[in-house]
Amino acid sequence: MKFTEFGLNEDLLEAISYMNFEKASEIQEKAIPEIMKGHDLIGCAQTGTGKTAAFVLPTLHKIAEEKTKGINTLVVVPTRELAMQIDQQIQGLAYFTHTSSYAVYGGGDGVSWEAERRALSGGADIIIATPGRLISHMMNDYVNFSTVKHLILDEADRMLDIGFYDDIVNIISKLPKDRQSLMFSATMAPKIRKLAKEILKSPIEINLAVSKPAAGVTQKVYLANESQKTPLVKDILADKDNFKSIIIFCSTKKKVEQLTRVLKNKRYSVAGVSSDYEQEIREKVLLSFRARTTRIVVATDVLSRGIDIKDINLVINYDVPNDPEDYVHRIGRTARAETKGLAITFVNEDDMRKFQRIEEFIEIQMEKLQPPEHLGPGPQWMQASPKNIRNGKRPWSKNKPGFKGKKGNAPRHQKPSPKK
């Protein structure tokens, strides 16, 4: 379906044409008409499917058709990066409609606080905010939500995971009851349904291919001991000169620092990002990465969601993420908008159970590769029974597909069979 078929405002269509958008994605095709009709909505779609435009376009259409005074729309998001991304997309699409937006996410100085204060006093049509920063402003008397007609919660599951439930409820309690409310999430967990029941009125539900990797992602798995991971990263990068944008996800801030230092010593164009970095530095890294002046970013899960950077060629999971959903979001940084991409995951012996949970979640059993011969052998794959995986227990079983231990040798964590 083309964007011209939705009945969108002419000025908005001009901006869409200028940005070379022609065909709507599935979430856009299903959500935009319902939002334009004024329905509350809960949309569940994986990362990279275009859900931001699915709520931005009909919202901008309504503002362009009927200009209001004060804050018209409040968008609440889990991270600063996502707030910035949505704000940038709104500014691009709203150029010809003269709609204003402002991102409220903190991390700056008194000047940024004052600019946010002016926006929250009615100086912007659309506010995009992180819950914590917004609550800080709401403790003062100048925040004016009396004119809000639309509430949008983006990546609602992530906000609940971080622990923003009480803040979200607090924010919503200060909004007009007569409003349109939209929720977007990558998963439809029970806690999401509970929140939706509390804030949405007879919502339309759109549920698309929940939490499955994009078809364009080629997934590879290496069984690697912890000491082999950094040499394996260097080995993989050695023949990827044609890959211009690479993200490497680590589980800890310390690993981000260590791997970034190693790659800098190898003269790669690399920068690290974690929650320990000052906001200004994080923004500079992302801008440089978008501009292709920084080729490799090493990051914690602060970048697994909420960034929209096209043509990322390679994602490396230096560590297996704790949750299957996080795996999907990490590798979702590549192969966005129907492009192709490569995702490589390192699995050590301790992470095998976690990775099997991922395989069951995405319903794919992947080939387990050994590191290149010069790096030495990695651990052997040991697969747990489905019952033990569900219960989060061991032991591992050599009787399951994928076990490659030598005959007669019981794998680690498994007792030998008693002699008869």
Protein backbone atom coordinates (compact mmCIF):
# COMPACT_ATOMS: atom_id res chain seq x y z
CA MET A 1 0.00 0.00 0.00
CA LYS A 2 1.34 3.45 -0.94
CA PHE A 3 1.35 6.38 1.48
CA THR A 4 -0.77 8.35 -0.97
CA GLU A 5 -3.66 5.93 -0.30
CA PHE A 6 -4.06 6.79 3.40
CA GLY A 7 -5.62 10.22 2.88
CA LEU A 8 -2.78 11.98 4.68
CA ASN A 9 -2.39 15.76 4.71
CA GLU A 10 -0.88 17.12 1.47
CA ASP A 11 1.98 18.89 3.26
CA LEU A 12 2.85 15.64 5.02
CA LEU A 13 2.77 13.71 1.74
CA GLU A 14 5.21 16.24 0.31
CA ALA A 15 7.64 15.51 3.15
CA ILE A 16 7.16 11.75 2.68
CA SER A 17 7.93 12.13 -1.03
CA TYR A 18 10.99 14.26 -0.28
CA MET A 19 12.30 11.49 2.01
CA ASN A 20 11.72 8.90 -0.75
CA PHE A 21 9.14 6.90 1.22
CA GLU A 22 6.71 5.16 -1.12
CA LYS A 23 5.39 1.83 0.14
CA ALA A 24 4.12 1.36 3.70
CA SER A 25 5.37 -1.52 5.84
CA GLU A 26 2.91 -4.03 7.29
CA ILE A 27 2.66 -2.33 10.69
CA GLN A 28 2.17 1.05 8.99
CA GLU A 29 -0.48 -0.32 6.65
CA LYS A 30 -2.49 -1.78 9.54
CA ALA A 31 -1.94 0.90 12.18
CA ILE A 32 -2.19 4.21 10.30
CA PRO A 33 -5.87 3.92 9.23
CA GLU A 34 -6.96 2.86 12.76
CA ILE A 35 -5.04 5.71 14.41
CA MET A 36 -6.49 8.21 11.93
CA LYS A 37 -9.98 6.99 12.90
CA GLY A 38 -9.21 7.87 16.52
CA HIS A 39 -9.07 4.35 17.96
CA ASP A 40 -6.83 3.41 20.87
CA LEU A 41 -4.31 0.83 19.71
CA ILE A 42 -1.76 -1.69 20.94
CA GLY A 43 0.78 -2.67 18.32
CA CYS A 44 3.24 -5.52 18.68
CA ALA A 45 5.99 -5.62 16.07
CA GLN A 46 9.67 -6.45 16.03
CA THR A 47 12.39 -3.87 15.68
CA GLY A 48 13.09 -2.50 12.21
CA THR A 49 9.51 -2.82 10.92
CA GLY A 50 8.77 0.92 10.75
CA LYS A 51 6.56 1.27 13.81
CA THR A 52 7.85 4.80 14.55
CA ALA A 53 6.38 6.12 11.31
CA ALA A 54 3.24 4.06 12.03
CA PHE A 55 2.35 6.42 14.89
CA VAL A 56 4.21 9.58 13.81
CA LEU A 57 2.47 9.95 10.44
CA PRO A 58 -1.18 9.82 11.60
CA THR A 59 -0.34 12.03 14.59
CA LEU A 60 1.27 14.66 12.35
CA HIS A 61 -1.72 14.39 10.01
CA LYS A 62 -4.12 15.22 12.83
CA ILE A 63 -2.04 18.17 14.01
CA ALA A 64 -1.70 19.51 10.46
CA GLU A 65 -5.45 19.21 9.86
CA GLU A 66 -6.44 20.83 13.15
CA LYS A 67 -3.77 23.01 14.74
CA THR A 68 -4.08 23.24 18.53
CA LYS A 69 -2.43 25.37 21.19
CA GLY A 70 -0.07 23.85 23.74
CA ILE A 71 1.23 20.29 23.84
CA ASN A 72 -0.83 18.11 21.51
CA THR A 73 1.04 14.79 21.78
CA LEU A 74 3.18 13.14 24.46
CA VAL A 75 5.48 10.28 23.41
CA VAL A 76 7.09 8.36 26.29
CA VAL A 77 10.13 6.19 25.54
CA PRO A 78 12.67 4.19 27.60
CA THR A 79 15.98 5.70 26.44
CA ARG A 80 17.60 8.98 25.43
CA GLU A 81 18.72 7.43 22.13
CA LEU A 82 15.17 6.51 21.16
CA ALA A 83 13.89 9.96 22.18
CA MET A 84 16.48 11.59 19.92
CA GLN A 85 15.71 9.22 17.04
CA ILE A 86 11.95 9.85 17.16
CA ASP A 87 12.49 13.60 17.46
CA GLN A 88 14.72 13.58 14.38
CA GLN A 89 12.18 11.57 12.39
CA ILE A 90 9.36 13.91 13.43
CA GLN A 91 11.37 16.97 12.42
CA GLY A 92 12.03 15.46 8.99
CA LEU A 93 8.41 14.50 8.36
CA ALA A 94 6.93 17.66 9.89
CA TYR A 95 9.06 20.09 7.90
CA PHE A 96 6.24 21.24 5.60
CA THR A 97 3.52 21.07 8.26
CA HIS A 98 5.24 23.52 10.64
CA THR A 99 4.72 21.17 13.58
CA SER A 100 7.23 21.54 16.41
CA SER A 101 8.69 18.80 18.60
CA TYR A 102 11.13 18.61 21.49
CA ALA A 103 13.00 15.69 23.10
CA VAL A 104 13.18 15.70 26.90
CA TYR A 105 15.76 13.20 28.10
CA GLY A 106 18.23 14.90 30.45
CA GLY A 107 21.93 14.35 30.79
CA GLY A 108 22.74 17.95 29.91
CA ASP A 109 23.42 21.20 31.71
CA GLY A 110 21.17 23.99 32.99
CA VAL A 111 20.73 25.31 29.47
CA SER A 112 19.12 22.06 28.30
CA TRP A 113 16.87 22.01 31.40
CA GLU A 114 15.67 25.52 30.62
CA ALA A 115 14.96 24.61 26.98
CA GLU A 116 13.00 21.55 28.14
CA ARG A 117 11.09 23.73 30.63
CA ARG A 118 9.97 26.07 27.84
CA ALA A 119 8.85 23.15 25.67
CA LEU A 120 6.89 21.58 28.55
CA SER A 121 5.23 24.91 29.27
CA GLY A 122 3.44 24.63 25.94
CA GLY A 123 6.25 25.59 23.59
CA ALA A 124 6.08 22.46 21.41
CA ASP A 125 3.32 20.49 19.67
CA ILE A 126 4.95 17.12 20.40
CA ILE A 127 7.03 16.14 23.44
CA ILE A 128 9.17 12.99 23.32
CA ALA A 129 10.38 12.15 26.81
CA THR A 130 12.02 9.54 29.00
CA PRO A 131 9.98 8.86 32.16
CA GLY A 132 12.60 9.82 34.75
CA ARG A 133 13.42 13.20 33.22
CA LEU A 134 9.76 13.98 32.63
CA ILE A 135 8.88 13.19 36.25
CA SER A 136 11.66 15.57 37.37
CA HIS A 137 10.02 18.40 35.42
CA MET A 138 6.54 17.44 36.59
CA MET A 139 7.57 18.07 40.18
CA ASN A 140 7.43 21.76 39.24
CA ASP A 141 4.31 23.74 38.42
CA TYR A 142 5.08 24.73 34.84
CA VAL A 143 4.38 21.41 33.06
CA ASN A 144 1.09 21.83 31.22
CA PHE A 145 -0.57 18.66 29.92
CA SER A 146 -4.12 20.02 29.82
CA THR A 147 -4.11 20.21 25.99
CA VAL A 148 -2.74 16.70 25.33
CA LYS A 149 -4.88 14.79 22.83
CA HIS A 150 -2.57 11.85 22.09
CA LEU A 151 -0.44 9.64 24.36
CA ILE A 152 2.06 7.23 22.80
CA LEU A 153 4.11 4.67 24.73
CA ASP A 154 6.89 3.29 22.52
CA GLU A 155 8.87 0.19 23.48
CA ALA A 156 6.54 -0.25 26.42
CA ASP A 157 7.99 -3.66 27.29
CA ARG A 158 11.44 -2.13 27.64
CA MET A 159 10.14 0.58 29.95
CA LEU A 160 8.54 -2.01 32.22
CA ASP A 161 11.71 -4.12 32.19
CA ILE A 162 13.73 -1.09 33.33
CA GLY A 163 11.25 -0.45 36.15
CA PHE A 164 9.32 2.57 34.89
CA TYR A 165 5.83 1.22 35.69
CA ASP A 166 5.15 3.59 38.59
CA ASP A 167 6.51 6.57 36.67
CA ILE A 168 4.31 5.76 33.67
CA VAL A 169 1.21 5.48 35.86
CA ASN A 170 2.13 8.79 37.52
CA ILE A 171 2.56 10.54 34.17
CA ILE A 172 -0.71 9.18 32.78
CA SER A 173 -2.62 10.30 35.87
CA LYS A 174 -1.79 13.91 34.98
CA LEU A 175 -3.15 13.69 31.41
CA PRO A 176 -6.68 14.48 30.23
CA LYS A 177 -8.90 11.40 30.30
CA ASP A 178 -10.38 12.35 26.94
CA ARG A 179 -7.41 11.42 24.74
CA GLN A 180 -6.24 8.83 22.22
CA SER A 181 -3.72 6.35 23.67
CA LEU A 182 -1.34 4.15 21.67
CA MET A 183 1.06 1.47 22.90
CA PHE A 184 3.83 -0.14 20.88
CA SER A 185 5.87 -3.07 22.10
CA ALA A 186 8.13 -5.75 20.69
CA THR A 187 6.54 -8.40 22.91
CA MET A 188 3.06 -9.07 24.22
CA ALA A 189 4.02 -10.25 27.70
CA PRO A 190 1.34 -10.44 30.45
CA LYS A 191 2.66 -7.24 32.05
CA ILE A 192 2.09 -5.40 28.75
CA ARG A 193 -1.48 -6.64 28.55
CA LYS A 194 -2.03 -5.55 32.16
CA LEU A 195 -0.80 -2.02 31.41
CA ALA A 196 -2.83 -1.88 28.18
CA LYS A 197 -5.98 -2.82 30.10
CA GLU A 198 -5.32 0.03 32.53
CA ILE A 199 -4.73 2.84 30.02
CA LEU A 200 -6.40 1.88 26.71
CA LYS A 201 -10.10 2.07 25.85
CA SER A 202 -11.42 -0.75 23.63
CA PRO A 203 -8.11 -0.86 21.74
CA ILE A 204 -7.49 -2.24 18.29
CA GLU A 205 -4.79 -4.94 18.58
CA ILE A 206 -2.16 -5.44 15.88
CA ASN A 207 0.21 -8.34 16.43
CA LEU A 208 2.84 -9.01 13.78
CA ALA A 209 5.46 -11.76 13.67
CA VAL A 210 6.43 -11.16 17.27
CA SER A 211 10.12 -11.36 18.10
CA LYS A 212 11.50 -13.23 15.14
CA PRO A 213 14.71 -12.14 13.40
CA ALA A 214 14.32 -10.34 10.10
CA ALA A 215 14.55 -12.65 7.09
CA GLY A 216 17.57 -10.79 5.73
CA VAL A 217 19.81 -11.64 8.70
CA THR A 218 22.36 -14.42 8.18
CA GLN A 219 23.03 -15.89 11.63
CA LYS A 220 26.27 -17.65 12.58
CA VAL A 221 27.32 -19.18 15.90
CA TYR A 222 30.86 -19.86 17.15
CA LEU A 223 31.53 -22.02 20.19
CA ALA A 224 34.33 -20.04 21.84
CA ASN A 225 36.01 -20.09 25.22
CA GLU A 226 36.11 -16.71 26.97
CA SER A 227 39.83 -16.35 26.18
CA GLN A 228 39.15 -16.94 22.48
CA LYS A 229 36.52 -14.23 22.01
CA THR A 230 38.76 -11.21 21.46
CA PRO A 231 41.14 -13.07 19.09
CA LEU A 232 38.04 -14.31 17.24
CA VAL A 233 36.72 -10.74 16.86
CA LYS A 234 40.05 -9.69 15.36
CA ASP A 235 40.01 -12.73 13.05
CA ILE A 236 36.46 -11.97 11.82
CA LEU A 237 37.21 -8.29 11.22
CA ALA A 238 40.41 -9.09 9.31
CA ASP A 239 38.51 -10.09 6.14
CA LYS A 240 35.57 -7.69 6.46
CA ASP A 241 37.10 -4.57 4.93
CA ASN A 242 33.95 -4.09 2.84
CA PHE A 243 31.78 -3.90 6.00
CA LYS A 244 31.45 -0.21 6.78
CA SER A 245 29.19 -0.32 9.87
CA ILE A 246 29.66 -2.87 12.66
CA ILE A 247 28.20 -3.14 16.18
CA ILE A 248 29.69 -5.46 18.81
CA PHE A 249 27.50 -6.12 21.87
CA CYS A 250 29.14 -6.96 25.20
CA SER A 251 27.42 -7.89 28.46
CA THR A 252 29.38 -5.53 30.74
CA LYS A 253 30.80 -2.02 30.67
CA LYS A 254 34.24 -3.42 31.55
CA LYS A 255 34.27 -5.65 28.46
CA VAL A 256 33.24 -2.67 26.31
CA GLU A 257 36.27 -0.74 27.58
CA GLN A 258 38.66 -3.66 27.14
CA LEU A 259 37.57 -4.64 23.63
CA THR A 260 37.47 -1.00 22.46
CA ARG A 261 41.05 -0.56 23.70
CA VAL A 262 42.22 -3.71 21.89
CA LEU A 263 40.63 -2.69 18.58
CA LYS A 264 42.02 0.85 18.83
CA ASN A 265 45.47 -0.63 19.27
CA LYS A 266 44.85 -2.55 16.03
CA ARG A 267 44.09 0.85 14.43
CA TYR A 268 40.43 0.20 13.77
CA SER A 269 38.05 3.17 13.70
CA VAL A 270 36.17 2.21 16.88
CA ALA A 271 34.30 3.81 19.79
CA GLY A 272 32.67 2.41 22.91
CA VAL A 273 29.20 3.19 24.29
CA SER A 274 27.68 2.26 27.65
CA SER A 275 25.55 3.91 30.30
CA ASP A 276 28.77 5.07 32.02
CA TYR A 277 29.52 7.47 29.18
CA GLU A 278 28.38 11.07 29.39
CA GLN A 279 25.35 11.81 27.21
CA GLU A 280 27.34 14.26 25.08
CA ILE A 281 29.93 11.59 24.30
CA ARG A 282 27.26 9.01 23.47
CA GLU A 283 25.60 11.44 21.07
CA LYS A 284 28.93 12.21 19.37
CA VAL A 285 29.63 8.50 18.93
CA LEU A 286 26.21 7.89 17.34
CA LEU A 287 26.54 10.89 15.04
CA SER A 288 29.98 9.73 13.96
CA PHE A 289 28.67 6.18 13.43
CA ARG A 290 25.77 7.44 11.31
CA ALA A 291 28.16 9.57 9.27
CA ARG A 292 30.40 6.50 8.70
CA THR A 293 33.41 8.28 10.24
CA THR A 294 33.37 5.68 13.03
CA ARG A 295 33.25 2.18 11.59
CA ILE A 296 32.84 0.01 14.72
CA VAL A 297 30.84 0.65 17.88
CA VAL A 298 31.32 -1.61 20.92
CA ALA A 299 28.31 -1.31 23.20
CA THR A 300 26.20 -2.73 25.98
CA ASP A 301 22.47 -3.22 25.38
CA VAL A 302 22.01 0.56 25.52
CA LEU A 303 22.12 0.28 21.70
CA SER A 304 20.09 -2.91 21.28
CA ARG A 305 16.97 -0.78 20.76
CA GLY A 306 16.21 2.79 19.95
CA ILE A 307 18.68 3.62 17.18
CA ASP A 308 17.79 3.91 13.53
CA ILE A 309 20.99 3.58 11.51
CA LYS A 310 20.68 2.18 8.03
CA ASP A 311 22.98 -0.34 6.37
CA ILE A 312 24.63 -1.87 9.45
CA ASN A 313 26.52 -4.75 7.88
CA LEU A 314 27.52 -6.83 10.88
CA VAL A 315 26.41 -7.41 14.48
CA ILE A 316 28.63 -9.47 16.78
CA ASN A 317 27.27 -10.79 20.06
CA TYR A 318 30.50 -11.00 22.06
CA ASP A 319 28.32 -12.42 24.86
CA VAL A 320 25.00 -14.24 24.66
CA PRO A 321 22.24 -11.91 25.92
CA ASN A 322 20.24 -13.01 28.97
CA ASP A 323 16.85 -12.88 27.27
CA PRO A 324 15.84 -14.26 23.85
CA GLU A 325 14.03 -10.99 23.10
CA ASP A 326 17.30 -9.08 23.59
CA TYR A 327 18.96 -11.36 21.03
CA VAL A 328 16.29 -10.46 18.49
CA HIS A 329 16.71 -6.75 19.19
CA ARG A 330 20.49 -6.92 18.97
CA ILE A 331 20.62 -8.68 15.62
CA GLY A 332 17.72 -6.48 14.49
CA ARG A 333 20.21 -3.62 14.19
CA THR A 334 21.24 -5.19 10.87
CA ALA A 335 19.03 -6.16 7.89
CA ARG A 336 16.63 -3.30 8.58
CA ALA A 337 14.06 -2.27 5.98
CA GLU A 338 14.47 -5.44 3.91
CA THR A 339 18.27 -5.14 3.56
CA LYS A 340 20.78 -7.94 4.19
CA GLY A 341 23.04 -8.34 7.20
CA LEU A 342 25.24 -10.74 9.17
CA ALA A 343 24.90 -11.55 12.88
CA ILE A 344 27.56 -13.62 14.67
CA THR A 345 27.22 -14.90 18.23
CA PHE A 346 29.97 -16.29 20.48
CA VAL A 347 28.79 -19.02 22.86
CA ASN A 348 30.99 -20.25 25.70
CA GLU A 349 30.25 -23.31 27.79
CA ASP A 350 28.40 -21.39 30.50
CA ASP A 351 26.10 -19.70 27.95
CA MET A 352 24.97 -22.81 26.09
CA ARG A 353 21.70 -23.12 28.01
CA LYS A 354 20.91 -19.45 27.37
CA PHE A 355 21.59 -19.87 23.67
CA GLN A 356 19.39 -22.96 23.44
CA ARG A 357 16.56 -20.88 24.94
CA ILE A 358 17.15 -18.39 22.09
CA GLU A 359 16.98 -21.18 19.50
CA GLU A 360 13.70 -22.44 20.94
CA PHE A 361 12.33 -18.90 21.03
CA ILE A 362 13.12 -18.10 17.38
CA GLU A 363 12.38 -21.72 16.33
CA ILE A 364 15.71 -22.18 14.58
CA GLN A 365 18.50 -24.62 15.44
CA MET A 366 21.75 -23.16 14.14
CA GLU A 367 24.98 -24.85 13.10
CA LYS A 368 27.63 -24.53 15.82
CA LEU A 369 30.99 -23.56 14.33
CA GLN A 370 34.41 -24.01 15.88
CA PRO A 371 36.92 -21.11 15.89
CA PRO A 372 39.59 -21.10 13.16
CA GLU A 373 42.20 -23.80 13.74
CA HIS A 374 44.98 -21.38 14.73
CA LEU A 375 42.89 -20.19 17.71
CA GLY A 376 42.55 -23.71 19.07
CA PRO A 377 39.39 -25.75 19.71
CA GLY A 378 36.41 -24.19 21.37
CA PRO A 379 34.04 -25.99 23.76
CA GLN A 380 31.87 -28.82 22.49
CA TRP A 381 28.14 -28.16 22.16
CA MET A 382 26.09 -29.81 24.89
CA GLN A 383 22.35 -29.59 24.61
CA ALA A 384 19.94 -29.68 27.52
CA SER A 385 16.60 -31.40 27.47
CA PRO A 386 13.59 -29.13 26.76
CA LYS A 387 12.31 -29.74 30.32
CA ASN A 388 15.58 -28.57 31.86
CA ILE A 389 15.70 -25.55 29.55
CA ARG A 390 12.21 -24.48 30.66
CA ASN A 391 13.15 -24.96 34.30
CA GLY A 392 16.50 -23.22 33.90
CA LYS A 393 18.36 -26.35 35.07
CA ARG A 394 21.12 -28.66 33.97
CA PRO A 395 22.38 -31.40 33.34
CA TRP A 396 23.25 -31.37 29.70
CA SER A 397 22.48 -34.39 27.63
CA LYS A 398 24.70 -36.08 25.06
CA ASN A 399 21.60 -37.81 23.69
CA LYS A 400 20.24 -34.61 22.14
CA PRO A 401 21.03 -33.47 18.61
CA GLY A 402 24.14 -31.38 18.31
CA PHE A 403 26.27 -33.14 20.97
CA LYS A 404 29.73 -33.76 19.59
CA GLY A 405 31.61 -35.24 22.56
CA LYS A 406 33.79 -38.29 22.00
CA LYS A 407 32.17 -41.64 22.51
CA GLY A 408 32.70 -43.00 26.00
CA ASN A 409 33.50 -39.60 27.55
CA ALA A 410 30.70 -38.01 29.54
CA PRO A 411 30.50 -34.26 28.92
CA ARG A 412 31.04 -31.86 31.76
CA HIS A 413 28.07 -31.53 34.16
CA GLN A 414 26.91 -35.04 33.23
CA LYS A 415 27.60 -38.10 35.33
CA PRO A 416 28.83 -41.26 33.56
CA SER A 417 26.27 -44.02 33.20
CA PRO A 418 26.64 -46.63 35.97
CA LYS A 419 28.36 -49.82 34.96
CA LYS A 420 26.11 -52.77 34.52
